[in-house]
Amino acid sequence: MSITSEKKEFIQYIAGGLSTLMNGSMLADEIYTSFLPWPNKEWIEDPTELYINDNILDGSSFSENRFCKAMETIDKGTLWELLTYFDNRDMSISRVYIESCLVPSDLPEELRKFAESIDYKEIHTFEDFLEL
């Protein structure tokens, strides 16, 4: 598992795609409401969802700004869990990249290799991306 500063920066560039998928699928809203204090409500607290609720959501919406700030301080283990969570929710890096509406020329030169790897289907999931 290799998480470089370039990879974190690329993930920040495609945060808009994550926002579209998280908000459009209502997953952000589901995470938010699952942590509301309902009387007699029993649930299993997913630590990744708790991290998303505490560090990424702004109310019931995915916040690109909060996500990008979290990427600056997140530890490798938590990042791995977070990106695996997205993969398991059908939010692969290829879908996120497409939803972000970026093209390689929008990116700094050193990050274009990641976009090209997605375009050429060398990378499909966040797990593929982290193992690159």
C-alpha atoms as a PDB file:
ATOM      1  CA  MET A   1       0.000   0.000   0.000  1.00  0.00           C
ATOM      2  CA  SER A   2       1.595   3.200  -1.157  1.00  0.00           C
ATOM      3  CA  ILE A   3      -0.019   6.507  -0.259  1.00  0.00           C
ATOM      4  CA  THR A   4       2.085   9.367  -1.547  1.00  0.00           C
ATOM      5  CA  SER A   5       1.400  13.074  -1.295  1.00  0.00           C
ATOM      6  CA  GLU A   6       0.744  13.025  -5.065  1.00  0.00           C
ATOM      7  CA  LYS A   7      -1.974  10.407  -4.605  1.00  0.00           C
ATOM      8  CA  LYS A   8      -3.595  12.434  -1.828  1.00  0.00           C
ATOM      9  CA  GLU A   9      -3.471  15.512  -4.037  1.00  0.00           C
ATOM     10  CA  PHE A  10      -5.095  13.628  -6.928  1.00  0.00           C
ATOM     11  CA  ILE A  11      -7.862  12.438  -4.611  1.00  0.00           C
ATOM     12  CA  GLN A  12      -8.450  16.071  -3.622  1.00  0.00           C
ATOM     13  CA  TYR A  13      -8.787  17.043  -7.288  1.00  0.00           C
ATOM     14  CA  ILE A  14     -11.553  14.474  -7.817  1.00  0.00           C
ATOM     15  CA  ALA A  15     -13.444  15.322  -4.603  1.00  0.00           C
ATOM     16  CA  GLY A  16     -16.239  16.839  -6.688  1.00  0.00           C
ATOM     17  CA  GLY A  17     -16.954  13.400  -8.115  1.00  0.00           C
ATOM     18  CA  LEU A  18     -17.185  11.920  -4.625  1.00  0.00           C
ATOM     19  CA  SER A  19     -19.520  14.726  -3.634  1.00  0.00           C
ATOM     20  CA  THR A  20     -21.781  14.005  -6.610  1.00  0.00           C
ATOM     21  CA  LEU A  21     -21.895  10.275  -5.860  1.00  0.00           C
ATOM     22  CA  MET A  22     -22.275  10.588  -2.073  1.00  0.00           C
ATOM     23  CA  ASN A  23     -25.008  13.225  -2.269  1.00  0.00           C
ATOM     24  CA  GLY A  24     -26.751  11.797  -5.340  1.00  0.00           C
ATOM     25  CA  SER A  25     -26.976   8.305  -3.862  1.00  0.00           C
ATOM     26  CA  MET A  26     -28.202   9.752  -0.553  1.00  0.00           C
ATOM     27  CA  LEU A  27     -25.354   7.932   1.223  1.00  0.00           C
ATOM     28  CA  ALA A  28     -24.208  11.163   2.886  1.00  0.00           C
ATOM     29  CA  ASP A  29     -27.731  11.703   4.208  1.00  0.00           C
ATOM     30  CA  GLU A  30     -27.966   8.094   5.433  1.00  0.00           C
ATOM     31  CA  ILE A  31     -24.673   8.421   7.310  1.00  0.00           C
ATOM     32  CA  TYR A  32     -25.762  11.704   8.872  1.00  0.00           C
ATOM     33  CA  THR A  33     -29.134  10.396  10.024  1.00  0.00           C
ATOM     34  CA  SER A  34     -27.662   7.175  11.393  1.00  0.00           C
ATOM     35  CA  PHE A  35     -25.769   9.223  13.981  1.00  0.00           C
ATOM     36  CA  LEU A  36     -28.735  11.302  15.150  1.00  0.00           C
ATOM     37  CA  PRO A  37     -29.740  10.537  18.746  1.00  0.00           C
ATOM     38  CA  TRP A  38     -32.990   8.624  18.209  1.00  0.00           C
ATOM     39  CA  PRO A  39     -34.577   7.174  21.351  1.00  0.00           C
ATOM     40  CA  ASN A  40     -34.210   3.397  21.681  1.00  0.00           C
ATOM     41  CA  LYS A  41     -32.442   3.209  18.322  1.00  0.00           C
ATOM     42  CA  GLU A  42     -29.925   0.423  18.024  1.00  0.00           C
ATOM     43  CA  TRP A  43     -27.323   0.433  15.295  1.00  0.00           C
ATOM     44  CA  ILE A  44     -23.865  -0.823  14.676  1.00  0.00           C
ATOM     45  CA  GLU A  45     -21.481   2.102  14.449  1.00  0.00           C
ATOM     46  CA  ASP A  46     -19.204   1.722  11.469  1.00  0.00           C
ATOM     47  CA  PRO A  47     -15.927   3.494  12.347  1.00  0.00           C
ATOM     48  CA  THR A  48     -15.504   4.628   8.739  1.00  0.00           C
ATOM     49  CA  GLU A  49     -18.985   6.142   8.688  1.00  0.00           C
ATOM     50  CA  LEU A  50     -18.237   7.814  12.009  1.00  0.00           C
ATOM     51  CA  TYR A  51     -15.070   9.301  10.458  1.00  0.00           C
ATOM     52  CA  ILE A  52     -17.079  10.511   7.444  1.00  0.00           C
ATOM     53  CA  ASN A  53     -19.732  12.030   9.713  1.00  0.00           C
ATOM     54  CA  ASP A  54     -17.199  13.796  11.929  1.00  0.00           C
ATOM     55  CA  ASN A  55     -14.656  14.926   9.317  1.00  0.00           C
ATOM     56  CA  ILE A  56     -16.242  15.107   5.862  1.00  0.00           C
ATOM     57  CA  LEU A  57     -19.955  15.829   6.098  1.00  0.00           C
ATOM     58  CA  ASP A  58     -21.375  19.302   6.554  1.00  0.00           C
ATOM     59  CA  GLY A  59     -24.732  18.435   8.026  1.00  0.00           C
ATOM     60  CA  SER A  60     -26.167  15.791   5.721  1.00  0.00           C
ATOM     61  CA  SER A  61     -24.081  16.782   2.684  1.00  0.00           C
ATOM     62  CA  PHE A  62     -20.627  15.741   1.518  1.00  0.00           C
ATOM     63  CA  SER A  63     -18.315  18.751   1.831  1.00  0.00           C
ATOM     64  CA  GLU A  64     -15.496  18.959  -0.700  1.00  0.00           C
ATOM     65  CA  ASN A  65     -13.676  21.492   1.481  1.00  0.00           C
ATOM     66  CA  ARG A  66     -13.857  19.320   4.600  1.00  0.00           C
ATOM     67  CA  PHE A  67     -12.824  16.271   2.565  1.00  0.00           C
ATOM     68  CA  CYS A  68      -9.756  18.066   1.190  1.00  0.00           C
ATOM     69  CA  LYS A  69      -8.789  19.277   4.679  1.00  0.00           C
ATOM     70  CA  ALA A  70      -9.165  15.726   5.993  1.00  0.00           C
ATOM     71  CA  MET A  71      -6.839  14.451   3.240  1.00  0.00           C
ATOM     72  CA  GLU A  72      -4.094  16.700   4.608  1.00  0.00           C
ATOM     73  CA  THR A  73      -4.131  15.086   8.059  1.00  0.00           C
ATOM     74  CA  ILE A  74      -5.565  11.587   7.575  1.00  0.00           C
ATOM     75  CA  ASP A  75      -3.342   8.674   8.549  1.00  0.00           C
ATOM     76  CA  LYS A  76      -2.594   5.894   6.072  1.00  0.00           C
ATOM     77  CA  GLY A  77      -4.723   3.271   7.801  1.00  0.00           C
ATOM     78  CA  THR A  78      -7.795   5.489   7.995  1.00  0.00           C
ATOM     79  CA  LEU A  79      -7.334   6.573   4.374  1.00  0.00           C
ATOM     80  CA  TRP A  80      -7.119   2.938   3.277  1.00  0.00           C
ATOM     81  CA  GLU A  81     -10.342   2.154   5.176  1.00  0.00           C
ATOM     82  CA  LEU A  82     -12.092   5.219   3.755  1.00  0.00           C
ATOM     83  CA  LEU A  83     -11.180   4.465   0.147  1.00  0.00           C
ATOM     84  CA  THR A  84     -12.060   0.782   0.582  1.00  0.00           C
ATOM     85  CA  TYR A  85     -15.428   1.933   1.959  1.00  0.00           C
ATOM     86  CA  PHE A  86     -16.033   3.928  -1.237  1.00  0.00           C
ATOM     87  CA  ASP A  87     -15.038   0.936  -3.396  1.00  0.00           C
ATOM     88  CA  ASN A  88     -17.487  -1.267  -1.494  1.00  0.00           C
ATOM     89  CA  ARG A  89     -20.286   1.264  -2.065  1.00  0.00           C
ATOM     90  CA  ASP A  90     -19.849   1.209  -5.868  1.00  0.00           C
ATOM     91  CA  MET A  91     -17.901   4.476  -5.832  1.00  0.00           C
ATOM     92  CA  SER A  92     -14.716   3.316  -7.502  1.00  0.00           C
ATOM     93  CA  ILE A  93     -12.024   5.794  -8.447  1.00  0.00           C
ATOM     94  CA  SER A  94     -12.988   5.442 -12.109  1.00  0.00           C
ATOM     95  CA  ARG A  95     -16.614   6.458 -11.351  1.00  0.00           C
ATOM     96  CA  VAL A  96     -15.450   9.266  -9.075  1.00  0.00           C
ATOM     97  CA  TYR A  97     -13.064  10.548 -11.751  1.00  0.00           C
ATOM     98  CA  ILE A  98     -15.808  10.497 -14.400  1.00  0.00           C
ATOM     99  CA  GLU A  99     -18.221  12.348 -12.093  1.00  0.00           C
ATOM    100  CA  SER A 100     -15.557  14.946 -11.306  1.00  0.00           C
ATOM    101  CA  CYS A 101     -15.624  16.002 -14.994  1.00  0.00           C
ATOM    102  CA  LEU A 102     -11.860  16.550 -14.995  1.00  0.00           C
ATOM    103  CA  VAL A 103      -9.694  15.997 -18.005  1.00  0.00           C
ATOM    104  CA  PRO A 104      -5.954  15.319 -17.705  1.00  0.00           C
ATOM    105  CA  SER A 105      -5.084  18.809 -18.942  1.00  0.00           C
ATOM    106  CA  ASP A 106      -6.914  20.246 -15.886  1.00  0.00           C
ATOM    107  CA  LEU A 107      -4.337  18.599 -13.636  1.00  0.00           C
ATOM    108  CA  PRO A 108      -0.740  19.490 -12.815  1.00  0.00           C
ATOM    109  CA  GLU A 109       1.724  17.525 -14.939  1.00  0.00           C
ATOM    110  CA  GLU A 110       2.778  15.229 -12.080  1.00  0.00           C
ATOM    111  CA  LEU A 111      -0.836  14.085 -11.493  1.00  0.00           C
ATOM    112  CA  ARG A 112      -1.793  13.391 -15.101  1.00  0.00           C
ATOM    113  CA  LYS A 113      -0.369   9.877 -14.941  1.00  0.00           C
ATOM    114  CA  PHE A 114      -3.168   8.903 -12.537  1.00  0.00           C
ATOM    115  CA  ALA A 115      -5.883  10.269 -14.822  1.00  0.00           C
ATOM    116  CA  GLU A 116      -4.329   8.537 -17.805  1.00  0.00           C
ATOM    117  CA  SER A 117      -4.150   5.240 -15.894  1.00  0.00           C
ATOM    118  CA  ILE A 118      -7.877   5.534 -15.201  1.00  0.00           C
ATOM    119  CA  ASP A 119      -8.606   6.481 -18.818  1.00  0.00           C
ATOM    120  CA  TYR A 120      -6.619   3.478 -20.075  1.00  0.00           C
ATOM    121  CA  LYS A 121      -8.397   1.217 -17.543  1.00  0.00           C
ATOM    122  CA  GLU A 122      -5.175   0.350 -15.723  1.00  0.00           C
ATOM    123  CA  ILE A 123      -6.847   1.583 -12.526  1.00  0.00           C
ATOM    124  CA  HIS A 124     -10.487   0.907 -11.713  1.00  0.00           C
ATOM    125  CA  THR A 125     -10.797   0.868  -7.918  1.00  0.00           C
ATOM    126  CA  PHE A 126      -9.258   2.908  -5.143  1.00  0.00           C
ATOM    127  CA  GLU A 127      -7.482  -0.281  -4.105  1.00  0.00           C
ATOM    128  CA  ASP A 128      -5.857  -0.452  -7.570  1.00  0.00           C
ATOM    129  CA  PHE A 129      -4.865   3.190  -7.151  1.00  0.00           C
ATOM    130  CA  LEU A 130      -3.257   2.625  -3.759  1.00  0.00           C
ATOM    131  CA  GLU A 131      -1.345  -0.413  -4.990  1.00  0.00           C
ATOM    132  CA  LEU A 132       0.061   1.512  -7.963  1.00  0.00           C
END
